[in-house]
Amino acid sequence: MSDAAIITEYICDELLNGERVEADTSLFRTKLLDSLSLTSLILFLEQRFAVRIGPMDISYENLDSVSLIVAFLERKRNATP
């Protein structure tokens, strides 16, 4: 299963009670998700993908859609420690 599919499944099943979203659906600007959902999403991403998401990483540019999250995770994986 691709990263995008894993993330989409988590968001739809755990945070949106089965409501479906597309890869480019805005999650926060459209208020589909709120701050409590954001916390759950960050914990999921950190645990599932073994990344550390710091306060400076939390932005619309990184986390507002599945496609942005996948790109963010790719950048985190490729970052030099």
PDB file of N, CA and C in Angstrom:
ATOM      1  N   MET A   1       0.858  -1.185   0.000  1.00  0.00           N
ATOM      2  CA  MET A   1       0.000   0.000   0.000  1.00  0.00           C
ATOM      3  C   MET A   1       0.897   1.239   0.000  1.00  0.00           C
ATOM      4  N   SER A   2       0.572   2.197  -0.814  1.00  0.00           N
ATOM      5  CA  SER A   2       1.373   3.423  -0.906  1.00  0.00           C
ATOM      6  C   SER A   2       1.174   4.306   0.328  1.00  0.00           C
ATOM      7  N   ASP A   3       2.122   5.220   0.525  1.00  0.00           N
ATOM      8  CA  ASP A   3       2.000   6.168   1.632  1.00  0.00           C
ATOM      9  C   ASP A   3       0.694   6.950   1.528  1.00  0.00           C
ATOM     10  N   ALA A   4       0.361   7.396   0.327  1.00  0.00           N
ATOM     11  CA  ALA A   4      -0.867   8.176   0.130  1.00  0.00           C
ATOM     12  C   ALA A   4      -2.098   7.360   0.520  1.00  0.00           C
ATOM     13  N   ALA A   5      -2.119   6.094   0.146  1.00  0.00           N
ATOM     14  CA  ALA A   5      -3.264   5.243   0.486  1.00  0.00           C
ATOM     15  C   ALA A   5      -3.361   5.013   1.985  1.00  0.00           C
ATOM     16  N   ILE A   6      -2.229   4.818   2.645  1.00  0.00           N
ATOM     17  CA  ILE A   6      -2.215   4.614   4.096  1.00  0.00           C
ATOM     18  C   ILE A   6      -2.729   5.859   4.814  1.00  0.00           C
ATOM     19  N   ILE A   7      -2.239   7.013   4.391  1.00  0.00           N
ATOM     20  CA  ILE A   7      -2.654   8.274   5.018  1.00  0.00           C
ATOM     21  C   ILE A   7      -4.123   8.560   4.754  1.00  0.00           C
ATOM     22  N   THR A   8      -4.553   8.359   3.518  1.00  0.00           N
ATOM     23  CA  THR A   8      -5.963   8.588   3.177  1.00  0.00           C
ATOM     24  C   THR A   8      -6.866   7.673   3.984  1.00  0.00           C
ATOM     25  N   GLU A   9      -6.494   6.420   4.092  1.00  0.00           N
ATOM     26  CA  GLU A   9      -7.295   5.471   4.862  1.00  0.00           C
ATOM     27  C   GLU A   9      -7.405   5.902   6.321  1.00  0.00           C
ATOM     28  N   TYR A  10      -6.299   6.315   6.915  1.00  0.00           N
ATOM     29  CA  TYR A  10      -6.326   6.766   8.311  1.00  0.00           C
ATOM     30  C   TYR A  10      -7.230   7.988   8.469  1.00  0.00           C
ATOM     31  N   ILE A  11      -7.046   8.977   7.613  1.00  0.00           N
ATOM     32  CA  ILE A  11      -7.845  10.199   7.726  1.00  0.00           C
ATOM     33  C   ILE A  11      -9.326   9.897   7.562  1.00  0.00           C
ATOM     34  N   CYS A  12      -9.671   9.133   6.548  1.00  0.00           N
ATOM     35  CA  CYS A  12     -11.084   8.838   6.284  1.00  0.00           C
ATOM     36  C   CYS A  12     -11.705   7.980   7.381  1.00  0.00           C
ATOM     37  N   ASP A  13     -11.009   6.940   7.784  1.00  0.00           N
ATOM     38  CA  ASP A  13     -11.585   6.000   8.751  1.00  0.00           C
ATOM     39  C   ASP A  13     -11.532   6.494  10.185  1.00  0.00           C
ATOM     40  N   GLU A  14     -10.434   7.133  10.557  1.00  0.00           N
ATOM     41  CA  GLU A  14     -10.245   7.511  11.961  1.00  0.00           C
ATOM     42  C   GLU A  14     -10.654   8.943  12.288  1.00  0.00           C
ATOM     43  N   LEU A  15     -10.512   9.841  11.326  1.00  0.00           N
ATOM     44  CA  LEU A  15     -10.764  11.250  11.616  1.00  0.00           C
ATOM     45  C   LEU A  15     -12.039  11.793  10.989  1.00  0.00           C
ATOM     46  N   LEU A  16     -12.494  11.173   9.905  1.00  0.00           N
ATOM     47  CA  LEU A  16     -13.677  11.689   9.201  1.00  0.00           C
ATOM     48  C   LEU A  16     -14.847  10.711   9.208  1.00  0.00           C
ATOM     49  N   ASN A  17     -14.788   9.704  10.044  1.00  0.00           N
ATOM     50  CA  ASN A  17     -15.886   8.740  10.173  1.00  0.00           C
ATOM     51  C   ASN A  17     -16.356   8.182   8.829  1.00  0.00           C
ATOM     52  N   GLY A  18     -15.399   7.833   7.985  1.00  0.00           N
ATOM     53  CA  GLY A  18     -15.743   7.197   6.721  1.00  0.00           C
ATOM     54  C   GLY A  18     -15.940   8.125   5.547  1.00  0.00           C
ATOM     55  N   GLU A  19     -15.975   9.429   5.775  1.00  0.00           N
ATOM     56  CA  GLU A  19     -16.099  10.378   4.662  1.00  0.00           C
ATOM     57  C   GLU A  19     -14.838  10.283   3.811  1.00  0.00           C
ATOM     58  N   ARG A  20     -14.994  10.268   2.502  1.00  0.00           N
ATOM     59  CA  ARG A  20     -13.857  10.100   1.598  1.00  0.00           C
ATOM     60  C   ARG A  20     -13.277  11.451   1.193  1.00  0.00           C
ATOM     61  N   VAL A  21     -11.973  11.481   0.992  1.00  0.00           N
ATOM     62  CA  VAL A  21     -11.304  12.677   0.496  1.00  0.00           C
ATOM     63  C   VAL A  21     -10.373  12.282  -0.648  1.00  0.00           C
ATOM     64  N   GLU A  22     -10.102  13.232  -1.505  1.00  0.00           N
ATOM     65  CA  GLU A  22      -9.144  13.045  -2.604  1.00  0.00           C
ATOM     66  C   GLU A  22      -7.766  13.484  -2.108  1.00  0.00           C
ATOM     67  N   ALA A  23      -6.750  13.149  -2.876  1.00  0.00           N
ATOM     68  CA  ALA A  23      -5.375  13.473  -2.479  1.00  0.00           C
ATOM     69  C   ALA A  23      -5.145  14.976  -2.330  1.00  0.00           C
ATOM     70  N   ASP A  24      -5.866  15.788  -3.103  1.00  0.00           N
ATOM     71  CA  ASP A  24      -5.669  17.233  -3.053  1.00  0.00           C
ATOM     72  C   ASP A  24      -6.759  17.983  -2.286  1.00  0.00           C
ATOM     73  N   THR A  25      -7.625  17.262  -1.597  1.00  0.00           N
ATOM     74  CA  THR A  25      -8.660  17.907  -0.792  1.00  0.00           C
ATOM     75  C   THR A  25      -8.011  18.655   0.374  1.00  0.00           C
ATOM     76  N   SER A  26      -8.354  19.923   0.542  1.00  0.00           N
ATOM     77  CA  SER A  26      -7.844  20.699   1.673  1.00  0.00           C
ATOM     78  C   SER A  26      -8.495  20.178   2.956  1.00  0.00           C
ATOM     79  N   LEU A  27      -7.662  19.797   3.909  1.00  0.00           N
ATOM     80  CA  LEU A  27      -8.173  19.209   5.152  1.00  0.00           C
ATOM     81  C   LEU A  27      -8.449  20.252   6.225  1.00  0.00           C
ATOM     82  N   PHE A  28      -7.623  21.289   6.291  1.00  0.00           N
ATOM     83  CA  PHE A  28      -7.753  22.267   7.369  1.00  0.00           C
ATOM     84  C   PHE A  28      -8.369  23.581   6.912  1.00  0.00           C
ATOM     85  N   ARG A  29      -8.030  24.042   5.732  1.00  0.00           N
ATOM     86  CA  ARG A  29      -8.609  25.305   5.239  1.00  0.00           C
ATOM     87  C   ARG A  29     -10.123  25.174   5.063  1.00  0.00           C
ATOM     88  N   THR A  30     -10.577  23.968   4.725  1.00  0.00           N
ATOM     89  CA  THR A  30     -12.012  23.730   4.563  1.00  0.00           C
ATOM     90  C   THR A  30     -12.669  23.262   5.856  1.00  0.00           C
ATOM     91  N   LYS A  31     -11.854  23.161   6.897  1.00  0.00           N
ATOM     92  CA  LYS A  31     -12.326  22.773   8.235  1.00  0.00           C
ATOM     93  C   LYS A  31     -12.851  21.334   8.309  1.00  0.00           C
ATOM     94  N   LEU A  32     -12.364  20.478   7.408  1.00  0.00           N
ATOM     95  CA  LEU A  32     -12.689  19.055   7.541  1.00  0.00           C
ATOM     96  C   LEU A  32     -12.061  18.508   8.811  1.00  0.00           C
ATOM     97  N   LEU A  33     -10.847  18.970   9.116  1.00  0.00           N
ATOM     98  CA  LEU A  33     -10.158  18.569  10.335  1.00  0.00           C
ATOM     99  C   LEU A  33      -9.923  19.792  11.214  1.00  0.00           C
ATOM    100  N   ASP A  34      -9.871  19.552  12.532  1.00  0.00           N
ATOM    101  CA  ASP A  34      -9.628  20.634  13.488  1.00  0.00           C
ATOM    102  C   ASP A  34      -8.321  20.370  14.230  1.00  0.00           C
ATOM    103  N   SER A  35      -8.051  21.158  15.256  1.00  0.00           N
ATOM    104  CA  SER A  35      -6.780  21.049  15.970  1.00  0.00           C
ATOM    105  C   SER A  35      -6.621  19.712  16.688  1.00  0.00           C
ATOM    106  N   LEU A  36      -7.707  19.147  17.188  1.00  0.00           N
ATOM    107  CA  LEU A  36      -7.614  17.831  17.827  1.00  0.00           C
ATOM    108  C   LEU A  36      -7.300  16.756  16.790  1.00  0.00           C
ATOM    109  N   SER A  37      -7.895  16.870  15.633  1.00  0.00           N
ATOM    110  CA  SER A  37      -7.592  15.945  14.539  1.00  0.00           C
ATOM    111  C   SER A  37      -6.144  16.093  14.103  1.00  0.00           C
ATOM    112  N   LEU A  38      -5.651  17.309  14.097  1.00  0.00           N
ATOM    113  CA  LEU A  38      -4.264  17.557  13.719  1.00  0.00           C
ATOM    114  C   LEU A  38      -3.317  16.823  14.667  1.00  0.00           C
ATOM    115  N   THR A  39      -3.594  16.891  15.939  1.00  0.00           N
ATOM    116  CA  THR A  39      -2.767  16.195  16.927  1.00  0.00           C
ATOM    117  C   THR A  39      -2.763  14.699  16.661  1.00  0.00           C
ATOM    118  N   SER A  40      -3.926  14.135  16.422  1.00  0.00           N
ATOM    119  CA  SER A  40      -4.024  12.699  16.124  1.00  0.00           C
ATOM    120  C   SER A  40      -3.280  12.357  14.841  1.00  0.00           C
ATOM    121  N   LEU A  41      -3.416  13.193  13.821  1.00  0.00           N
ATOM    122  CA  LEU A  41      -2.744  12.964  12.555  1.00  0.00           C
ATOM    123  C   LEU A  41      -1.228  12.996  12.733  1.00  0.00           C
ATOM    124  N   ILE A  42      -0.730  13.964  13.466  1.00  0.00           N
ATOM    125  CA  ILE A  42       0.712  14.063  13.693  1.00  0.00           C
ATOM    126  C   ILE A  42       1.231  12.835  14.431  1.00  0.00           C
ATOM    127  N   LEU A  43       0.531  12.404  15.465  1.00  0.00           N
ATOM    128  CA  LEU A  43       0.953  11.203  16.198  1.00  0.00           C
ATOM    129  C   LEU A  43       0.973   9.986  15.278  1.00  0.00           C
ATOM    130  N   PHE A  44      -0.047   9.852  14.459  1.00  0.00           N
ATOM    131  CA  PHE A  44      -0.102   8.744  13.509  1.00  0.00           C
ATOM    132  C   PHE A  44       1.088   8.792  12.550  1.00  0.00           C
ATOM    133  N   LEU A  45       1.343   9.958  11.972  1.00  0.00           N
ATOM    134  CA  LEU A  45       2.435  10.085  11.011  1.00  0.00           C
ATOM    135  C   LEU A  45       3.779   9.777  11.657  1.00  0.00           C
ATOM    136  N   GLU A  46       3.995  10.278  12.866  1.00  0.00           N
ATOM    137  CA  GLU A  46       5.260  10.033  13.554  1.00  0.00           C
ATOM    138  C   GLU A  46       5.450   8.544  13.833  1.00  0.00           C
ATOM    139  N   GLN A  47       4.405   7.891  14.287  1.00  0.00           N
ATOM    140  CA  GLN A  47       4.506   6.466  14.617  1.00  0.00           C
ATOM    141  C   GLN A  47       4.596   5.596  13.371  1.00  0.00           C
ATOM    142  N   ARG A  48       3.759   5.845  12.403  1.00  0.00           N
ATOM    143  CA  ARG A  48       3.685   4.982  11.216  1.00  0.00           C
ATOM    144  C   ARG A  48       4.885   5.143  10.294  1.00  0.00           C
ATOM    145  N   PHE A  49       5.375   6.389  10.169  1.00  0.00           N
ATOM    146  CA  PHE A  49       6.432   6.665   9.203  1.00  0.00           C
ATOM    147  C   PHE A  49       7.780   6.976   9.859  1.00  0.00           C
ATOM    148  N   ALA A  50       7.870   6.841  11.162  1.00  0.00           N
ATOM    149  CA  ALA A  50       9.118   7.024  11.910  1.00  0.00           C
ATOM    150  C   ALA A  50       9.795   8.360  11.596  1.00  0.00           C
ATOM    151  N   VAL A  51       9.011   9.431  11.655  1.00  0.00           N
ATOM    152  CA  VAL A  51       9.540  10.777  11.464  1.00  0.00           C
ATOM    153  C   VAL A  51       9.217  11.605  12.701  1.00  0.00           C
ATOM    154  N   ARG A  52       9.978  12.653  12.885  1.00  0.00           N
ATOM    155  CA  ARG A  52       9.704  13.600  13.966  1.00  0.00           C
ATOM    156  C   ARG A  52       9.140  14.855  13.333  1.00  0.00           C
ATOM    157  N   ILE A  53       7.951  15.257  13.781  1.00  0.00           N
ATOM    158  CA  ILE A  53       7.307  16.458  13.260  1.00  0.00           C
ATOM    159  C   ILE A  53       7.378  17.519  14.348  1.00  0.00           C
ATOM    160  N   GLY A  54       8.201  18.517  14.112  1.00  0.00           N
ATOM    161  CA  GLY A  54       8.399  19.588  15.086  1.00  0.00           C
ATOM    162  C   GLY A  54       7.404  20.715  14.898  1.00  0.00           C
ATOM    163  N   PRO A  55       7.361  21.625  15.855  1.00  0.00           N
ATOM    164  CA  PRO A  55       6.428  22.755  15.772  1.00  0.00           C
ATOM    165  C   PRO A  55       6.562  23.565  14.482  1.00  0.00           C
ATOM    166  N   MET A  56       7.791  23.725  13.986  1.00  0.00           N
ATOM    167  CA  MET A  56       7.998  24.512  12.767  1.00  0.00           C
ATOM    168  C   MET A  56       7.522  23.777  11.514  1.00  0.00           C
ATOM    169  N   ASP A  57       7.282  22.470  11.631  1.00  0.00           N
ATOM    170  CA  ASP A  57       6.791  21.682  10.492  1.00  0.00           C
ATOM    171  C   ASP A  57       5.280  21.778  10.319  1.00  0.00           C
ATOM    172  N   ILE A  58       4.586  22.244  11.340  1.00  0.00           N
ATOM    173  CA  ILE A  58       3.125  22.250  11.322  1.00  0.00           C
ATOM    174  C   ILE A  58       2.653  23.487  10.562  1.00  0.00           C
ATOM    175  N   SER A  59       2.262  23.254   9.307  1.00  0.00           N
ATOM    176  CA  SER A  59       1.800  24.351   8.455  1.00  0.00           C
ATOM    177  C   SER A  59       0.866  23.796   7.381  1.00  0.00           C
ATOM    178  N   TYR A  60       0.111  24.703   6.768  1.00  0.00           N
ATOM    179  CA  TYR A  60      -0.742  24.300   5.652  1.00  0.00           C
ATOM    180  C   TYR A  60       0.101  23.698   4.528  1.00  0.00           C
ATOM    181  N   GLU A  61       1.273  24.268   4.304  1.00  0.00           N
ATOM    182  CA  GLU A  61       2.126  23.826   3.208  1.00  0.00           C
ATOM    183  C   GLU A  61       2.567  22.374   3.367  1.00  0.00           C
ATOM    184  N   ASN A  62       2.614  21.876   4.596  1.00  0.00           N
ATOM    185  CA  ASN A  62       3.051  20.505   4.856  1.00  0.00           C
ATOM    186  C   ASN A  62       1.915  19.527   5.109  1.00  0.00           C
ATOM    187  N   LEU A  63       0.801  19.997   5.659  1.00  0.00           N
ATOM    188  CA  LEU A  63      -0.187  19.064   6.201  1.00  0.00           C
ATOM    189  C   LEU A  63      -1.627  19.293   5.743  1.00  0.00           C
ATOM    190  N   ASP A  64      -1.863  20.145   4.757  1.00  0.00           N
ATOM    191  CA  ASP A  64      -3.249  20.488   4.416  1.00  0.00           C
ATOM    192  C   ASP A  64      -3.934  19.523   3.453  1.00  0.00           C
ATOM    193  N   SER A  65      -3.198  18.593   2.870  1.00  0.00           N
ATOM    194  CA  SER A  65      -3.824  17.589   2.014  1.00  0.00           C
ATOM    195  C   SER A  65      -2.962  16.336   2.033  1.00  0.00           C
ATOM    196  N   VAL A  66      -3.524  15.250   1.578  1.00  0.00           N
ATOM    197  CA  VAL A  66      -2.763  14.000   1.536  1.00  0.00           C
ATOM    198  C   VAL A  66      -1.539  14.164   0.647  1.00  0.00           C
ATOM    199  N   SER A  67      -1.691  14.799  -0.497  1.00  0.00           N
ATOM    200  CA  SER A  67      -0.542  14.957  -1.398  1.00  0.00           C
ATOM    201  C   SER A  67       0.545  15.826  -0.769  1.00  0.00           C
ATOM    202  N   LEU A  68       0.170  16.869  -0.032  1.00  0.00           N
ATOM    203  CA  LEU A  68       1.163  17.691   0.662  1.00  0.00           C
ATOM    204  C   LEU A  68       1.838  16.912   1.786  1.00  0.00           C
ATOM    205  N   ILE A  69       1.087  16.077   2.482  1.00  0.00           N
ATOM    206  CA  ILE A  69       1.664  15.252   3.552  1.00  0.00           C
ATOM    207  C   ILE A  69       2.675  14.267   2.979  1.00  0.00           C
ATOM    208  N   VAL A  70       2.340  13.632   1.875  1.00  0.00           N
ATOM    209  CA  VAL A  70       3.259  12.674   1.245  1.00  0.00           C
ATOM    210  C   VAL A  70       4.547  13.385   0.826  1.00  0.00           C
ATOM    211  N   ALA A  71       4.437  14.561   0.218  1.00  0.00           N
ATOM    212  CA  ALA A  71       5.618  15.323  -0.189  1.00  0.00           C
ATOM    213  C   ALA A  71       6.440  15.733   1.036  1.00  0.00           C
ATOM    214  N   PHE A  72       5.776  16.139   2.097  1.00  0.00           N
ATOM    215  CA  PHE A  72       6.452  16.507   3.345  1.00  0.00           C
ATOM    216  C   PHE A  72       7.214  15.315   3.914  1.00  0.00           C
ATOM    217  N   LEU A  73       6.575  14.156   3.961  1.00  0.00           N
ATOM    218  CA  LEU A  73       7.242  12.961   4.480  1.00  0.00           C
ATOM    219  C   LEU A  73       8.464  12.610   3.638  1.00  0.00           C
ATOM    220  N   GLU A  74       8.348  12.763   2.339  1.00  0.00           N
ATOM    221  CA  GLU A  74       9.485  12.486   1.454  1.00  0.00           C
ATOM    222  C   GLU A  74      10.655  13.433   1.757  1.00  0.00           C
ATOM    223  N   ARG A  75      10.340  14.704   1.961  1.00  0.00           N
ATOM    224  CA  ARG A  75      11.397  15.677   2.314  1.00  0.00           C
ATOM    225  C   ARG A  75      12.035  15.313   3.652  1.00  0.00           C
ATOM    226  N   LYS A  76      11.224  14.911   4.621  1.00  0.00           N
ATOM    227  CA  LYS A  76      11.755  14.542   5.939  1.00  0.00           C
ATOM    228  C   LYS A  76      12.681  13.322   5.822  1.00  0.00           C
ATOM    229  N   ARG A  77      12.293  12.355   5.027  1.00  0.00           N
ATOM    230  CA  ARG A  77      13.109  11.153   4.854  1.00  0.00           C
ATOM    231  C   ARG A  77      14.433  11.447   4.173  1.00  0.00           C
ATOM    232  N   ASN A  78      14.412  12.408   3.270  1.00  0.00           N
ATOM    233  CA  ASN A  78      15.612  12.739   2.514  1.00  0.00           C
ATOM    234  C   ASN A  78      16.486  13.799   3.175  1.00  0.00           C
ATOM    235  N   ALA A  79      16.024  14.366   4.290  1.00  0.00           N
ATOM    236  CA  ALA A  79      16.785  15.395   4.990  1.00  0.00           C
ATOM    237  C   ALA A  79      18.039  14.809   5.612  1.00  0.00           C
ATOM    238  N   THR A  80      19.076  15.584   5.591  1.00  0.00           N
ATOM    239  CA  THR A  80      20.319  15.158   6.215  1.00  0.00           C
ATOM    240  C   THR A  80      20.202  15.374   7.723  1.00  0.00           C
ATOM    241  N   PRO A  81      20.539  14.354   8.522  1.00  0.00           N
ATOM    242  CA  PRO A  81      20.404  14.490   9.981  1.00  0.00           C
ATOM    243  C   PRO A  81      21.334  15.508  10.570  1.00  0.00           C
TER     244      PRO A  81
END
